[in-house]
Amino acid sequence: MMRLRWERGRSTTDATESGRRAAEWLGCDDAGNPVARVVRLTGPIRTGAGLCRAIPLDDEAKLIRLLPPTPNGAEWLALIGGRVVGRAAMPLQAVRSAEAALGGR
């Protein structure tokens, strides 16, 4: 399994907790290049089709992708490129999913 160096990316202020909370983690290779991301889904958002979650597609979160509700509280997505390779309830679980997916390369 490939191990990456993970660093905090974007963060948000959580109203239920004091301070800032990570909304994204970046997995970098030995050269410091970002290879994978773990992002926390925010939301939910009500639409005409029902309840959805939003994932930002840019740094300012001006572009978002609406996703169906997360199964069993799995609000963290592991991404390699633009492809989702895993979902988890905790960020470390999503990190391990990304690393396992990279190990198969």
Protein backbone atom coordinates (compact mmCIF):
# COMPACT_ATOMS: atom_id res chain seq x y z
CA MET A 1 0.00 0.00 0.00
CA MET A 2 1.29 3.45 -0.91
CA ARG A 3 1.67 5.88 2.01
CA LEU A 4 1.25 9.57 1.35
CA ARG A 5 2.07 12.60 3.48
CA TRP A 6 -1.23 14.20 4.44
CA GLU A 7 -1.69 17.89 5.13
CA ARG A 8 -4.69 19.98 6.01
CA GLY A 9 -6.38 21.71 3.08
CA ARG A 10 -9.44 23.95 3.28
CA SER A 11 -11.14 24.37 6.63
CA THR A 12 -14.51 25.59 7.82
CA THR A 13 -15.87 27.05 11.02
CA ASP A 14 -18.22 24.58 12.67
CA ALA A 15 -21.01 26.23 14.66
CA THR A 16 -21.18 23.30 17.08
CA GLU A 17 -17.45 23.33 17.85
CA SER A 18 -15.05 26.09 18.76
CA GLY A 19 -12.44 27.02 16.18
CA ARG A 20 -11.92 25.72 12.67
CA ARG A 21 -12.44 22.20 11.36
CA ALA A 22 -10.74 20.59 8.37
CA ALA A 23 -12.98 20.19 5.35
CA GLU A 24 -10.24 18.71 3.17
CA TRP A 25 -6.97 16.78 3.50
CA LEU A 26 -4.39 16.60 0.69
CA GLY A 27 -2.25 13.50 0.18
CA CYS A 28 1.17 14.37 -1.27
CA ASP A 29 3.83 12.09 -2.69
CA ASP A 30 7.52 12.25 -1.71
CA ALA A 31 8.07 15.17 -4.13
CA GLY A 32 5.26 17.17 -2.48
CA ASN A 33 2.81 16.83 -5.37
CA PRO A 34 -0.85 16.39 -4.41
CA VAL A 35 -1.98 12.91 -5.46
CA ALA A 36 -5.22 12.38 -3.54
CA ARG A 37 -7.82 14.36 -1.58
CA VAL A 38 -10.18 13.52 1.24
CA VAL A 39 -13.09 15.95 1.47
CA ARG A 40 -15.93 16.33 3.94
CA LEU A 41 -19.33 16.61 2.35
CA THR A 42 -21.29 19.60 3.54
CA GLY A 43 -25.00 20.04 3.51
CA PRO A 44 -27.57 18.67 3.35
CA ILE A 45 -29.29 20.77 0.71
CA ARG A 46 -33.00 20.50 -0.06
CA THR A 47 -33.89 20.43 -3.75
CA GLY A 48 -37.05 19.60 -5.64
CA ALA A 49 -35.75 16.04 -5.92
CA GLY A 50 -35.22 15.68 -2.17
CA LEU A 51 -32.29 15.99 0.22
CA CYS A 52 -28.80 16.23 -1.33
CA ARG A 53 -25.27 16.92 -0.17
CA ALA A 54 -22.87 19.34 -1.87
CA ILE A 55 -19.20 18.85 -2.72
CA PRO A 56 -17.16 21.89 -3.84
CA LEU A 57 -15.51 21.68 -7.24
CA ASP A 58 -13.27 24.75 -6.81
CA ASP A 59 -11.33 26.45 -4.02
CA GLU A 60 -13.97 29.12 -3.38
CA ALA A 61 -16.83 26.58 -3.47
CA LYS A 62 -18.58 28.60 -6.15
CA LEU A 63 -19.10 25.42 -8.17
CA ILE A 64 -20.61 22.47 -6.37
CA ARG A 65 -21.78 18.99 -7.25
CA LEU A 66 -24.95 17.76 -5.58
CA LEU A 67 -24.76 14.20 -4.31
CA PRO A 68 -27.42 11.94 -2.85
CA PRO A 69 -27.50 11.59 0.95
CA THR A 70 -24.50 9.78 2.41
CA PRO A 71 -25.09 6.21 3.56
CA ASN A 72 -24.80 5.64 7.33
CA GLY A 73 -23.06 8.96 8.03
CA ALA A 74 -20.20 8.36 5.59
CA GLU A 75 -19.60 12.05 4.99
CA TRP A 76 -15.91 11.86 3.97
CA LEU A 77 -15.01 11.08 0.36
CA ALA A 78 -11.64 9.76 -0.81
CA LEU A 79 -10.80 11.15 -4.27
CA ILE A 80 -8.04 10.39 -6.73
CA GLY A 81 -8.23 12.76 -9.64
CA GLY A 82 -11.95 13.35 -9.98
CA ARG A 83 -12.89 9.75 -9.11
CA VAL A 84 -14.38 8.75 -5.76
CA VAL A 85 -12.50 5.70 -4.48
CA GLY A 86 -14.05 5.45 -1.03
CA ARG A 87 -16.48 6.82 1.56
CA ALA A 88 -16.02 6.85 5.31
CA ALA A 89 -17.44 8.23 8.53
CA MET A 90 -14.01 9.47 9.69
CA PRO A 91 -11.22 11.21 7.73
CA LEU A 92 -8.54 8.63 8.60
CA GLN A 93 -10.70 5.84 7.18
CA ALA A 94 -11.05 7.82 3.93
CA VAL A 95 -7.27 8.43 3.89
CA ARG A 96 -6.67 4.68 4.11
CA SER A 97 -9.17 4.10 1.26
CA ALA A 98 -7.25 6.53 -0.96
CA GLU A 99 -3.92 4.92 -0.10
CA ALA A 100 -5.29 1.44 -0.78
CA ALA A 101 -6.64 2.56 -4.16
CA LEU A 102 -3.22 4.02 -5.06
CA GLY A 103 -1.55 0.77 -4.02
CA GLY A 104 -3.32 -0.97 -6.88
CA ARG A 105 -1.69 1.30 -9.46
